[in-house]
Amino acid sequence: MLIAPPHLSPSSIATFQQCPLKFKFSRIDGLVEPPTEATLRGNFVHSIFESLYGSPSDQRTIEHAREISRQVWEEEYKERASVLLRRDEAALREFRWTSWWCVENLFAMETPSEIELDGIETPLDWFLSGVKIKGFIDRWQRDGDSITIGDYKTGKVPNPRYQENKFFQLLLYGAVLKEQLDLDVKRVELLFVRDGVKLSHDATPADFESVIETVVSVKSEIDARCESGEFETNRSRLCDWCSFKPICPAWSKK
């Protein structure tokens, strides 16, 4: 019998829902997906924002953000990006420019010196209805007796018909914070800094009930598949971006 992972996260839940076999490859077999330009850009931009909002309010200026960008680039991301982009100078310049564009858009969306956050990159390690949840919250802040949770996205704004599912991660984090702090989570926000668009959702008790039901259901389905050893494939357009496609039986040549 296969052994299920000791915890779930929003990303692992999404992976299982997308394709159970992909979940097995990554979360049970331990196969590592190679880094992509998109994921590295997201990490780079998140690092800049973490340092920016960790600075005193009077230092949260575009000039200071530029200094932070240069520092984290030299200390961590220059070599990683160079390897990923095969030391192509034009590609590296494009990578830095598109990343900085996200930072400029943040300043167009809000005034960082006026934003007081209560949590930045807050780690979560909590049981929801018997299921262990781990993850990191990009940002959250108190508003009286309630909380607003935010998440930075460096990808494009999704089509309106797919936007509702994008809030699952934040609602799951909200369910955890709600229990940990005994405060209501009033709103969740997605900051699409590449496009300078903020999407907000006013959270309801029904949202959190639905999220917890999903977590419990997914955990049950994972455990059942670990017992049977059968993790089915789910062919879709997303397969074209899956690094496991070359070893997937659904795509193997007959």
Protein backbone atom coordinates (compact mmCIF):
# COMPACT_ATOMS: atom_id res chain seq x y z
CA MET A 1 0.00 0.00 0.00
CA LEU A 2 1.24 3.46 -0.86
CA ILE A 3 1.71 6.02 1.90
CA ALA A 4 -0.20 9.28 1.56
CA PRO A 5 1.64 12.57 2.19
CA PRO A 6 1.46 13.68 5.83
CA HIS A 7 -0.14 16.99 4.90
CA LEU A 8 -1.97 18.79 2.12
CA SER A 9 -1.57 22.29 0.71
CA PRO A 10 -3.65 24.32 -1.72
CA SER A 11 -1.24 23.42 -4.51
CA SER A 12 -1.28 19.69 -3.78
CA ILE A 13 -5.07 19.69 -3.61
CA ALA A 14 -5.22 21.49 -6.95
CA THR A 15 -2.76 19.00 -8.44
CA PHE A 16 -4.86 16.04 -7.30
CA GLN A 17 -8.02 17.60 -8.68
CA GLN A 18 -6.25 18.26 -11.97
CA CYS A 19 -4.83 14.75 -12.30
CA PRO A 20 -4.48 12.06 -9.60
CA LEU A 21 -1.49 10.47 -11.36
CA LYS A 22 0.34 13.80 -11.47
CA PHE A 23 -0.28 14.06 -7.72
CA LYS A 24 1.24 10.60 -7.23
CA PHE A 25 4.29 11.44 -9.33
CA SER A 26 5.03 14.65 -7.43
CA ARG A 27 3.71 14.11 -3.89
CA ILE A 28 4.19 10.38 -3.37
CA ASP A 29 6.93 9.27 -5.76
CA GLY A 30 8.88 12.47 -5.09
CA LEU A 31 9.56 13.29 -8.73
CA VAL A 32 10.69 16.90 -8.97
CA GLU A 33 9.26 19.16 -11.64
CA PRO A 34 11.95 21.33 -13.25
CA PRO A 35 11.83 25.07 -12.53
CA THR A 36 10.19 27.32 -15.08
CA GLU A 37 10.67 30.95 -15.94
CA ALA A 38 7.19 31.71 -14.64
CA THR A 39 7.74 30.08 -11.24
CA LEU A 40 11.16 31.72 -10.84
CA ARG A 41 9.71 35.13 -11.69
CA GLY A 42 6.98 34.56 -9.10
CA ASN A 43 9.58 33.69 -6.45
CA PHE A 44 11.71 36.71 -7.35
CA VAL A 45 8.81 39.16 -7.17
CA HIS A 46 7.52 37.63 -3.93
CA SER A 47 10.97 38.06 -2.37
CA ILE A 48 10.96 41.75 -3.30
CA PHE A 49 7.50 42.28 -1.82
CA GLU A 50 8.38 40.39 1.37
CA SER A 51 11.37 42.65 1.98
CA LEU A 52 9.49 45.78 0.96
CA TYR A 53 6.60 45.23 3.38
CA GLY A 54 9.03 44.11 6.06
CA SER A 55 10.64 47.57 5.90
CA PRO A 56 9.47 50.55 7.98
CA SER A 57 6.53 52.32 6.33
CA ASP A 58 8.53 55.44 5.45
CA GLN A 59 11.00 53.30 3.50
CA ARG A 60 8.41 51.58 1.31
CA THR A 61 9.20 53.69 -1.71
CA ILE A 62 9.80 52.76 -5.33
CA GLU A 63 13.46 53.70 -4.87
CA HIS A 64 13.82 51.32 -1.93
CA ALA A 65 12.02 48.60 -3.89
CA ARG A 66 14.60 49.08 -6.64
CA GLU A 67 17.41 48.62 -4.11
CA ILE A 68 15.75 45.48 -2.78
CA SER A 69 15.35 44.16 -6.30
CA ARG A 70 19.05 44.62 -7.03
CA GLN A 71 20.06 43.02 -3.74
CA VAL A 72 17.93 39.88 -3.97
CA TRP A 73 18.87 39.54 -7.64
CA GLU A 74 22.58 39.52 -6.89
CA GLU A 75 22.30 37.37 -3.76
CA GLU A 76 19.91 34.70 -4.98
CA TYR A 77 18.21 35.02 -8.35
CA LYS A 78 20.94 36.05 -10.78
CA GLU A 79 22.60 32.64 -10.85
CA ARG A 80 19.31 30.72 -10.77
CA ALA A 81 17.94 32.73 -13.69
CA SER A 82 21.22 32.47 -15.58
CA VAL A 83 21.16 28.68 -15.38
CA LEU A 84 17.49 28.47 -16.30
CA LEU A 85 17.83 30.87 -19.25
CA ARG A 86 21.13 29.35 -20.42
CA ARG A 87 22.99 32.59 -19.67
CA ASP A 88 21.24 34.34 -22.54
CA GLU A 89 21.81 38.04 -21.77
CA ALA A 90 18.79 39.21 -23.75
CA ALA A 91 16.54 36.71 -21.98
CA LEU A 92 17.94 37.75 -18.60
CA ARG A 93 17.25 41.42 -19.32
CA GLU A 94 13.71 40.53 -20.35
CA PHE A 95 13.26 38.47 -17.19
CA ARG A 96 14.36 41.36 -14.96
CA TRP A 97 12.26 43.88 -16.83
CA THR A 98 9.05 41.82 -16.68
CA SER A 99 9.69 41.18 -12.99
CA TRP A 100 10.23 44.89 -12.28
CA TRP A 101 7.06 45.66 -14.19
CA CYS A 102 5.18 43.67 -11.53
CA VAL A 103 6.75 45.84 -8.81
CA GLU A 104 5.79 49.06 -10.58
CA ASN A 105 2.24 47.78 -10.95
CA LEU A 106 2.01 47.12 -7.22
CA PHE A 107 2.76 50.79 -6.57
CA ALA A 108 0.07 51.71 -9.10
CA MET A 109 -2.43 49.43 -7.33
CA GLU A 110 -1.76 50.62 -3.77
CA THR A 111 0.50 52.84 -1.68
CA PRO A 112 2.79 50.46 0.24
CA SER A 113 3.69 53.08 2.87
CA GLU A 114 0.00 53.20 3.86
CA ILE A 115 -0.49 49.43 4.10
CA GLU A 116 0.06 47.95 7.55
CA LEU A 117 0.19 44.17 7.41
CA ASP A 118 -0.08 41.90 10.43
CA GLY A 119 1.41 38.94 8.63
CA ILE A 120 3.95 38.58 5.80
CA GLU A 121 4.79 35.13 4.40
CA THR A 122 3.07 33.60 7.43
CA PRO A 123 3.67 29.82 7.69
CA LEU A 124 0.65 27.63 8.38
CA ASP A 125 0.68 24.21 10.02
CA TRP A 126 -2.78 23.28 11.24
CA PHE A 127 -5.39 20.53 11.27
CA LEU A 128 -8.74 21.20 9.61
CA SER A 129 -11.30 18.49 10.35
CA GLY A 130 -8.47 16.04 10.95
CA VAL A 131 -6.50 16.98 7.80
CA LYS A 132 -3.10 18.60 8.26
CA ILE A 133 -2.71 21.75 6.17
CA LYS A 134 0.59 23.48 5.42
CA GLY A 135 1.35 26.58 3.41
CA PHE A 136 2.38 30.22 3.45
CA ILE A 137 0.13 33.29 3.40
CA ASP A 138 1.64 36.12 1.35
CA ARG A 139 -0.04 38.81 3.45
CA TRP A 140 -2.88 39.39 5.88
CA GLN A 141 -4.10 42.26 7.99
CA ARG A 142 -6.59 42.86 10.77
CA ASP A 143 -9.49 45.21 10.26
CA GLY A 144 -11.10 45.48 13.68
CA ASP A 145 -12.50 42.03 14.48
CA SER A 146 -11.97 40.65 10.98
CA ILE A 147 -9.14 39.76 8.61
CA THR A 148 -8.31 40.40 4.97
CA ILE A 149 -5.99 37.89 3.28
CA GLY A 150 -4.05 38.73 0.11
CA ASP A 151 -1.99 36.80 -2.41
CA TYR A 152 0.33 38.06 -5.15
CA LYS A 153 0.00 36.57 -8.62
CA THR A 154 2.55 37.19 -11.35
CA GLY A 155 0.58 35.37 -14.03
CA LYS A 156 -2.16 36.82 -16.19
CA VAL A 157 -5.66 37.55 -14.89
CA PRO A 158 -7.82 34.46 -15.54
CA ASN A 159 -10.90 34.43 -17.71
CA PRO A 160 -13.92 35.55 -15.61
CA ARG A 161 -15.51 32.10 -15.78
CA TYR A 162 -12.43 30.61 -14.04
CA GLN A 163 -11.91 33.32 -11.44
CA GLU A 164 -14.05 31.80 -8.71
CA ASN A 165 -11.77 28.76 -8.37
CA LYS A 166 -8.76 31.04 -7.92
CA PHE A 167 -9.98 32.01 -4.45
CA PHE A 168 -9.85 28.44 -3.09
CA GLN A 169 -6.28 28.81 -1.81
CA LEU A 170 -7.06 31.98 0.13
CA LEU A 171 -10.32 30.61 1.50
CA LEU A 172 -8.45 27.55 2.74
CA TYR A 173 -5.88 29.78 4.42
CA GLY A 174 -8.77 31.82 5.77
CA ALA A 175 -10.35 28.74 7.32
CA VAL A 176 -7.07 28.05 9.13
CA LEU A 177 -6.59 31.63 10.35
CA LYS A 178 -10.21 31.76 11.43
CA GLU A 179 -9.61 28.84 13.79
CA GLN A 180 -6.14 29.93 14.91
CA LEU A 181 -7.00 33.53 15.75
CA ASP A 182 -10.73 33.19 16.42
CA LEU A 183 -11.40 36.11 14.08
CA ASP A 184 -13.68 36.36 11.07
CA VAL A 185 -12.08 36.44 7.64
CA LYS A 186 -13.95 39.18 5.86
CA ARG A 187 -12.27 39.34 2.47
CA VAL A 188 -9.74 37.58 0.28
CA GLU A 189 -7.81 39.43 -2.44
CA LEU A 190 -5.76 38.35 -5.44
CA LEU A 191 -3.26 40.96 -6.60
CA PHE A 192 -2.40 40.22 -10.23
CA VAL A 193 0.65 42.44 -10.32
CA ARG A 194 1.59 41.60 -13.90
CA ASP A 195 -1.62 43.20 -15.13
CA GLY A 196 -2.19 45.61 -12.24
CA VAL A 197 -5.57 44.08 -11.36
CA LYS A 198 -6.96 43.25 -7.92
CA LEU A 199 -9.76 40.69 -7.59
CA SER A 200 -11.64 40.60 -4.29
CA HIS A 201 -14.16 38.23 -2.77
CA ASP A 202 -16.22 38.78 0.37
CA ALA A 203 -15.93 35.52 2.26
CA THR A 204 -19.03 33.83 3.73
CA PRO A 205 -19.53 30.97 6.21
CA ALA A 206 -20.73 28.86 3.26
CA ASP A 207 -17.36 29.45 1.54
CA PHE A 208 -15.46 27.99 4.47
CA GLU A 209 -17.84 25.07 4.85
CA SER A 210 -17.33 24.26 1.17
CA VAL A 211 -13.55 24.54 1.46
CA ILE A 212 -13.39 22.21 4.45
CA GLU A 213 -15.68 19.71 2.70
CA THR A 214 -13.34 19.76 -0.28
CA VAL A 215 -10.27 19.21 1.90
CA VAL A 216 -11.86 16.24 3.68
CA SER A 217 -13.13 14.78 0.41
CA VAL A 218 -9.77 15.08 -1.35
CA LYS A 219 -7.96 13.52 1.61
CA SER A 220 -10.41 10.60 1.56
CA GLU A 221 -9.94 10.13 -2.18
CA ILE A 222 -6.15 10.21 -1.85
CA ASP A 223 -6.23 7.63 0.96
CA ALA A 224 -8.48 5.34 -1.10
CA ARG A 225 -6.10 5.50 -4.06
CA CYS A 226 -3.10 4.85 -1.84
CA GLU A 227 -4.83 1.73 -0.57
CA SER A 228 -5.71 0.50 -4.07
CA GLY A 229 -2.50 1.73 -5.67
CA GLU A 230 -4.48 3.09 -8.61
CA PHE A 231 -4.05 6.75 -9.49
CA GLU A 232 -5.86 7.49 -12.74
CA THR A 233 -4.87 10.03 -15.35
CA ASN A 234 -7.01 12.94 -16.41
CA ARG A 235 -6.17 14.03 -19.91
CA SER A 236 -6.79 17.69 -20.63
CA ARG A 237 -5.24 20.72 -22.32
CA LEU A 238 -3.14 21.18 -19.19
CA CYS A 239 -1.18 18.07 -20.15
CA ASP A 240 0.76 20.17 -22.64
CA TRP A 241 2.36 22.02 -19.71
CA CYS A 242 2.93 18.95 -17.52
CA SER A 243 6.57 17.93 -17.08
CA PHE A 244 5.46 14.34 -16.45
CA LYS A 245 3.83 13.95 -19.86
CA PRO A 246 6.80 11.94 -21.28
CA ILE A 247 6.30 9.22 -18.63
CA CYS A 248 2.51 9.36 -18.43
CA PRO A 249 0.79 6.15 -19.62
CA ALA A 250 -2.06 8.20 -21.06
CA TRP A 251 0.40 9.68 -23.56
CA SER A 252 2.71 6.74 -24.14
CA LYS A 253 2.91 5.42 -27.67
CA LYS A 254 1.16 2.14 -28.27
